[in-house]
Amino acid sequence: ALAHLVDAGIPVVLVQRDVDGAGFDYVGV
């Protein structure tokens, strides 16, 4: 569902909630 952001070349950081297999930076608790 988030792959279109990867295709667009937009840097993404996930915060609080992770998404398996997304491969983005993640910051949480």
All heavy atoms as atom14 arrays in JSON, in Angstrom:
{
  "sequence": "ALAHLVDAGIPVVLVQRDVDGAGFDYVGV",
  "atom14_mask": [
    [1, 1, 1, 1, 1, 0, 0, 0, 0, 0, 0, 0, 0, 0],
    [1, 1, 1, 1, 1, 1, 1, 1, 0, 0, 0, 0, 0, 0],
    [1, 1, 1, 1, 1, 0, 0, 0, 0, 0, 0, 0, 0, 0],
    [1, 1, 1, 1, 1, 1, 1, 1, 1, 1, 0, 0, 0, 0],
    [1, 1, 1, 1, 1, 1, 1, 1, 0, 0, 0, 0, 0, 0],
    [1, 1, 1, 1, 1, 1, 1, 0, 0, 0, 0, 0, 0, 0],
    [1, 1, 1, 1, 1, 1, 1, 1, 0, 0, 0, 0, 0, 0],
    [1, 1, 1, 1, 1, 0, 0, 0, 0, 0, 0, 0, 0, 0],
    [1, 1, 1, 1, 0, 0, 0, 0, 0, 0, 0, 0, 0, 0],
    [1, 1, 1, 1, 1, 1, 1, 1, 0, 0, 0, 0, 0, 0],
    [1, 1, 1, 1, 1, 1, 1, 0, 0, 0, 0, 0, 0, 0],
    [1, 1, 1, 1, 1, 1, 1, 0, 0, 0, 0, 0, 0, 0],
    [1, 1, 1, 1, 1, 1, 1, 0, 0, 0, 0, 0, 0, 0],
    [1, 1, 1, 1, 1, 1, 1, 1, 0, 0, 0, 0, 0, 0],
    [1, 1, 1, 1, 1, 1, 1, 0, 0, 0, 0, 0, 0, 0],
    [1, 1, 1, 1, 1, 1, 1, 1, 1, 0, 0, 0, 0, 0],
    [1, 1, 1, 1, 1, 1, 1, 1, 1, 1, 1, 0, 0, 0],
    [1, 1, 1, 1, 1, 1, 1, 1, 0, 0, 0, 0, 0, 0],
    [1, 1, 1, 1, 1, 1, 1, 0, 0, 0, 0, 0, 0, 0],
    [1, 1, 1, 1, 1, 1, 1, 1, 0, 0, 0, 0, 0, 0],
    [1, 1, 1, 1, 0, 0, 0, 0, 0, 0, 0, 0, 0, 0],
    [1, 1, 1, 1, 1, 0, 0, 0, 0, 0, 0, 0, 0, 0],
    [1, 1, 1, 1, 0, 0, 0, 0, 0, 0, 0, 0, 0, 0],
    [1, 1, 1, 1, 1, 1, 1, 1, 1, 1, 1, 0, 0, 0],
    [1, 1, 1, 1, 1, 1, 1, 1, 0, 0, 0, 0, 0, 0],
    [1, 1, 1, 1, 1, 1, 1, 1, 1, 1, 1, 1, 0, 0],
    [1, 1, 1, 1, 1, 1, 1, 0, 0, 0, 0, 0, 0, 0],
    [1, 1, 1, 1, 0, 0, 0, 0, 0, 0, 0, 0, 0, 0],
    [1, 1, 1, 1, 1, 1, 1, 0, 0, 0, 0, 0, 0, 0]
  ],
  "atom14_positions": [
    [[0.82, -1.22, 0.0], [0.0, 0.0, 0.0], [0.85, 1.27, 0.0], [0.38, 2.33, -0.41], [-0.94, 0.01, 1.19], [0.0, 0.0, 0.0], [0.0, 0.0, 0.0], [0.0, 0.0, 0.0], [0.0, 0.0, 0.0], [0.0, 0.0, 0.0], [0.0, 0.0, 0.0], [0.0, 0.0, 0.0], [0.0, 0.0, 0.0], [0.0, 0.0, 0.0]],
    [[2.1, 1.17, 0.46], [2.99, 2.33, 0.52], [4.03, 2.32, -0.59], [4.88, 3.21, -0.64], [3.68, 2.38, 1.89], [2.76, 2.45, 3.12], [3.57, 2.42, 4.4], [1.88, 3.7, 3.07], [0.0, 0.0, 0.0], [0.0, 0.0, 0.0], [0.0, 0.0, 0.0], [0.0, 0.0, 0.0], [0.0, 0.0, 0.0], [0.0, 0.0, 0.0]],
    [[3.96, 1.34, -1.47], [4.98, 1.19, -2.52], [5.01, 2.38, -3.46], [6.05, 2.7, -4.03], [4.73, -0.1, -3.29], [0.0, 0.0, 0.0], [0.0, 0.0, 0.0], [0.0, 0.0, 0.0], [0.0, 0.0, 0.0], [0.0, 0.0, 0.0], [0.0, 0.0, 0.0], [0.0, 0.0, 0.0], [0.0, 0.0, 0.0], [0.0, 0.0, 0.0]],
    [[3.88, 3.07, -3.65], [3.85, 4.21, -4.57], [4.76, 5.33, -4.1], [5.26, 6.12, -4.91], [2.42, 4.72, -4.76], [1.79, 5.27, -3.53], [1.69, 6.61, -3.28], [1.21, 4.66, -2.46], [1.08, 6.82, -2.13], [0.78, 5.65, -1.6], [0.0, 0.0, 0.0], [0.0, 0.0, 0.0], [0.0, 0.0, 0.0], [0.0, 0.0, 0.0]],
    [[5.01, 5.41, -2.79], [5.94, 6.42, -2.28], [7.37, 6.05, -2.63], [8.2, 6.92, -2.94], [5.77, 6.56, -0.76], [4.37, 6.95, -0.29], [4.31, 6.99, 1.23], [3.95, 8.29, -0.88], [0.0, 0.0, 0.0], [0.0, 0.0, 0.0], [0.0, 0.0, 0.0], [0.0, 0.0, 0.0], [0.0, 0.0, 0.0], [0.0, 0.0, 0.0]],
    [[7.68, 4.77, -2.56], [9.0, 4.3, -2.97], [9.21, 4.59, -4.45], [10.26, 5.1, -4.87], [9.16, 2.79, -2.69], [10.53, 2.29, -3.16], [8.95, 2.49, -1.22], [0.0, 0.0, 0.0], [0.0, 0.0, 0.0], [0.0, 0.0, 0.0], [0.0, 0.0, 0.0], [0.0, 0.0, 0.0], [0.0, 0.0, 0.0], [0.0, 0.0, 0.0]],
    [[8.2, 4.29, -5.26], [8.3, 4.51, -6.7], [8.5, 5.99, -7.02], [9.15, 6.33, -8.02], [7.04, 4.0, -7.4], [6.87, 2.49, -7.26], [7.89, 1.81, -7.0], [5.72, 2.0, -7.39], [0.0, 0.0, 0.0], [0.0, 0.0, 0.0], [0.0, 0.0, 0.0], [0.0, 0.0, 0.0], [0.0, 0.0, 0.0], [0.0, 0.0, 0.0]],
    [[7.92, 6.86, -6.19], [8.05, 8.3, -6.42], [9.38, 8.84, -5.91], [9.7, 10.02, -6.13], [6.9, 9.04, -5.74], [0.0, 0.0, 0.0], [0.0, 0.0, 0.0], [0.0, 0.0, 0.0], [0.0, 0.0, 0.0], [0.0, 0.0, 0.0], [0.0, 0.0, 0.0], [0.0, 0.0, 0.0], [0.0, 0.0, 0.0], [0.0, 0.0, 0.0]],
    [[10.16, 8.01, -5.22], [11.46, 8.44, -4.72], [11.39, 9.37, -3.53], [12.32, 10.15, -3.29], [0.0, 0.0, 0.0], [0.0, 0.0, 0.0], [0.0, 0.0, 0.0], [0.0, 0.0, 0.0], [0.0, 0.0, 0.0], [0.0, 0.0, 0.0], [0.0, 0.0, 0.0], [0.0, 0.0, 0.0], [0.0, 0.0, 0.0], [0.0, 0.0, 0.0]],
    [[10.29, 9.31, -2.77], [10.13, 10.2, -1.62], [10.69, 9.52, -0.37], [10.29, 8.41, -0.03], [8.64, 10.54, -1.39], [8.08, 11.27, -2.6], [8.46, 11.37, -0.13], [6.6, 11.56, -2.51], [0.0, 0.0, 0.0], [0.0, 0.0, 0.0], [0.0, 0.0, 0.0], [0.0, 0.0, 0.0], [0.0, 0.0, 0.0], [0.0, 0.0, 0.0]],
    [[11.63, 10.16, 0.33], [12.12, 9.6, 1.6], [10.98, 9.49, 2.6], [10.19, 10.43, 2.76], [13.16, 10.62, 2.06], [13.57, 11.35, 0.81], [12.33, 11.41, -0.03], [0.0, 0.0, 0.0], [0.0, 0.0, 0.0], [0.0, 0.0, 0.0], [0.0, 0.0, 0.0], [0.0, 0.0, 0.0], [0.0, 0.0, 0.0], [0.0, 0.0, 0.0]],
    [[10.88, 8.35, 3.28], [9.78, 8.1, 4.21], [10.33, 7.59, 5.54], [11.23, 6.74, 5.56], [8.8, 7.06, 3.64], [7.74, 6.69, 4.67], [8.12, 7.59, 2.38], [0.0, 0.0, 0.0], [0.0, 0.0, 0.0], [0.0, 0.0, 0.0], [0.0, 0.0, 0.0], [0.0, 0.0, 0.0], [0.0, 0.0, 0.0], [0.0, 0.0, 0.0]],
    [[9.8, 8.11, 6.63], [10.09, 7.6, 7.97], [8.76, 7.22, 8.61], [7.83, 8.04, 8.64], [10.82, 8.64, 8.84], [10.98, 8.12, 10.26], [12.18, 8.98, 8.25], [0.0, 0.0, 0.0], [0.0, 0.0, 0.0], [0.0, 0.0, 0.0], [0.0, 0.0, 0.0], [0.0, 0.0, 0.0], [0.0, 0.0, 0.0], [0.0, 0.0, 0.0]],
    [[8.66, 5.99, 9.09], [7.48, 5.56, 9.82], [7.67, 5.9, 11.3], [8.74, 5.7, 11.86], [7.27, 4.05, 9.67], [7.02, 3.53, 8.26], [6.84, 2.02, 8.28], [5.82, 4.2, 7.63], [0.0, 0.0, 0.0], [0.0, 0.0, 0.0], [0.0, 0.0, 0.0], [0.0, 0.0, 0.0], [0.0, 0.0, 0.0], [0.0, 0.0, 0.0]],
    [[6.61, 6.39, 11.92], [6.69, 6.78, 13.32], [5.58, 6.08, 14.1], [4.44, 6.02, 13.65], [6.6, 8.32, 13.47], [5.29, 8.85, 12.93], [6.8, 8.76, 14.9], [0.0, 0.0, 0.0], [0.0, 0.0, 0.0], [0.0, 0.0, 0.0], [0.0, 0.0, 0.0], [0.0, 0.0, 0.0], [0.0, 0.0, 0.0], [0.0, 0.0, 0.0]],
    [[5.94, 5.51, 15.23], [5.04, 4.82, 16.16], [4.56, 3.45, 15.69], [4.45, 2.54, 16.47], [3.81, 5.68, 16.48], [4.04, 6.77, 17.48], [2.74, 7.28, 18.01], [1.89, 7.76, 17.27], [2.54, 7.18, 19.3], [0.0, 0.0, 0.0], [0.0, 0.0, 0.0], [0.0, 0.0, 0.0], [0.0, 0.0, 0.0], [0.0, 0.0, 0.0]],
    [[4.21, 3.35, 14.42], [3.71, 2.09, 13.89], [4.6, 1.62, 12.75], [4.95, 2.4, 11.85], [2.28, 2.24, 13.37], [1.27, 2.64, 14.44], [-0.1, 2.81, 13.8], [-1.12, 3.16, 14.77], [-2.41, 3.34, 14.47], [-2.8, 3.17, 13.2], [-3.28, 3.65, 15.39], [0.0, 0.0, 0.0], [0.0, 0.0, 0.0], [0.0, 0.0, 0.0]],
    [[4.96, 0.35, 12.78], [5.8, -0.23, 11.75], [4.94, -0.97, 10.73], [3.79, -1.32, 11.02], [6.81, -1.18, 12.39], [8.08, -1.33, 11.56], [8.15, -0.73, 10.46], [9.0, -2.03, 12.02], [0.0, 0.0, 0.0], [0.0, 0.0, 0.0], [0.0, 0.0, 0.0], [0.0, 0.0, 0.0], [0.0, 0.0, 0.0], [0.0, 0.0, 0.0]],
    [[5.5, -1.19, 9.56], [4.83, -1.96, 8.51], [5.8, -3.02, 8.02], [6.88, -2.69, 7.51], [4.39, -1.05, 7.33], [3.81, -1.9, 6.2], [3.38, -0.02, 7.8], [0.0, 0.0, 0.0], [0.0, 0.0, 0.0], [0.0, 0.0, 0.0], [0.0, 0.0, 0.0], [0.0, 0.0, 0.0], [0.0, 0.0, 0.0], [0.0, 0.0, 0.0]],
    [[5.46, -4.27, 8.21], [6.35, -5.37, 7.84], [6.73, -5.3, 6.36], [5.86, -5.14, 5.49], [5.68, -6.72, 8.11], [5.49, -6.99, 9.6], [6.18, -6.34, 10.39], [4.63, -7.83, 9.95], [0.0, 0.0, 0.0], [0.0, 0.0, 0.0], [0.0, 0.0, 0.0], [0.0, 0.0, 0.0], [0.0, 0.0, 0.0], [0.0, 0.0, 0.0]],
    [[8.03, -5.41, 6.12], [8.51, -5.48, 4.75], [8.61, -4.17, 4.02], [9.01, -4.14, 2.85], [0.0, 0.0, 0.0], [0.0, 0.0, 0.0], [0.0, 0.0, 0.0], [0.0, 0.0, 0.0], [0.0, 0.0, 0.0], [0.0, 0.0, 0.0], [0.0, 0.0, 0.0], [0.0, 0.0, 0.0], [0.0, 0.0, 0.0], [0.0, 0.0, 0.0]],
    [[8.25, -3.06, 4.66], [8.27, -1.77, 3.96], [9.69, -1.28, 3.71], [9.96, -0.61, 2.72], [7.49, -0.73, 4.75], [0.0, 0.0, 0.0], [0.0, 0.0, 0.0], [0.0, 0.0, 0.0], [0.0, 0.0, 0.0], [0.0, 0.0, 0.0], [0.0, 0.0, 0.0], [0.0, 0.0, 0.0], [0.0, 0.0, 0.0], [0.0, 0.0, 0.0]],
    [[10.61, -1.57, 4.64], [12.0, -1.17, 4.47], [12.28, 0.29, 4.74], [13.35, 0.79, 4.4], [0.0, 0.0, 0.0], [0.0, 0.0, 0.0], [0.0, 0.0, 0.0], [0.0, 0.0, 0.0], [0.0, 0.0, 0.0], [0.0, 0.0, 0.0], [0.0, 0.0, 0.0], [0.0, 0.0, 0.0], [0.0, 0.0, 0.0], [0.0, 0.0, 0.0]],
    [[11.32, 1.0, 5.36], [11.53, 2.42, 5.67], [12.26, 2.58, 7.0], [12.31, 1.66, 7.83], [10.18, 3.15, 5.76], [9.4, 3.19, 4.48], [8.06, 2.84, 4.46], [9.99, 3.6, 3.3], [7.32, 2.89, 3.3], [9.26, 3.65, 2.12], [7.93, 3.3, 2.12], [0.0, 0.0, 0.0], [0.0, 0.0, 0.0], [0.0, 0.0, 0.0]],
    [[12.81, 3.78, 7.22], [13.28, 4.13, 8.56], [12.1, 4.07, 9.52], [10.95, 4.34, 9.14], [13.86, 5.55, 8.57], [15.07, 5.71, 7.66], [15.97, 4.87, 7.73], [15.09, 6.67, 6.88], [0.0, 0.0, 0.0], [0.0, 0.0, 0.0], [0.0, 0.0, 0.0], [0.0, 0.0, 0.0], [0.0, 0.0, 0.0], [0.0, 0.0, 0.0]],
    [[12.4, 3.75, 10.79], [11.32, 3.63, 11.77], [11.78, 4.23, 13.09], [12.92, 4.0, 13.55], [10.95, 2.17, 11.98], [10.0, 1.95, 13.16], [8.67, 2.28, 13.06], [10.48, 1.45, 14.37], [7.81, 2.11, 14.14], [9.63, 1.28, 15.46], [8.29, 1.62, 15.34], [7.45, 1.46, 16.4], [0.0, 0.0, 0.0], [0.0, 0.0, 0.0]],
    [[10.88, 4.98, 13.75], [11.13, 5.52, 15.09], [9.89, 5.24, 15.94], [8.77, 5.59, 15.55], [11.4, 7.04, 15.05], [11.7, 7.55, 16.47], [12.57, 7.36, 14.13], [0.0, 0.0, 0.0], [0.0, 0.0, 0.0], [0.0, 0.0, 0.0], [0.0, 0.0, 0.0], [0.0, 0.0, 0.0], [0.0, 0.0, 0.0], [0.0, 0.0, 0.0]],
    [[10.11, 4.6, 17.08], [8.98, 4.29, 17.95], [9.44, 3.91, 19.33], [10.54, 4.27, 19.76], [0.0, 0.0, 0.0], [0.0, 0.0, 0.0], [0.0, 0.0, 0.0], [0.0, 0.0, 0.0], [0.0, 0.0, 0.0], [0.0, 0.0, 0.0], [0.0, 0.0, 0.0], [0.0, 0.0, 0.0], [0.0, 0.0, 0.0], [0.0, 0.0, 0.0]],
    [[8.6, 3.17, 20.02], [8.84, 2.76, 21.41], [8.72, 1.25, 21.49], [8.01, 0.63, 20.69], [7.82, 3.44, 22.36], [7.96, 2.93, 23.78], [8.0, 4.95, 22.32], [0.0, 0.0, 0.0], [0.0, 0.0, 0.0], [0.0, 0.0, 0.0], [0.0, 0.0, 0.0], [0.0, 0.0, 0.0], [0.0, 0.0, 0.0], [0.0, 0.0, 0.0]]
  ]
}
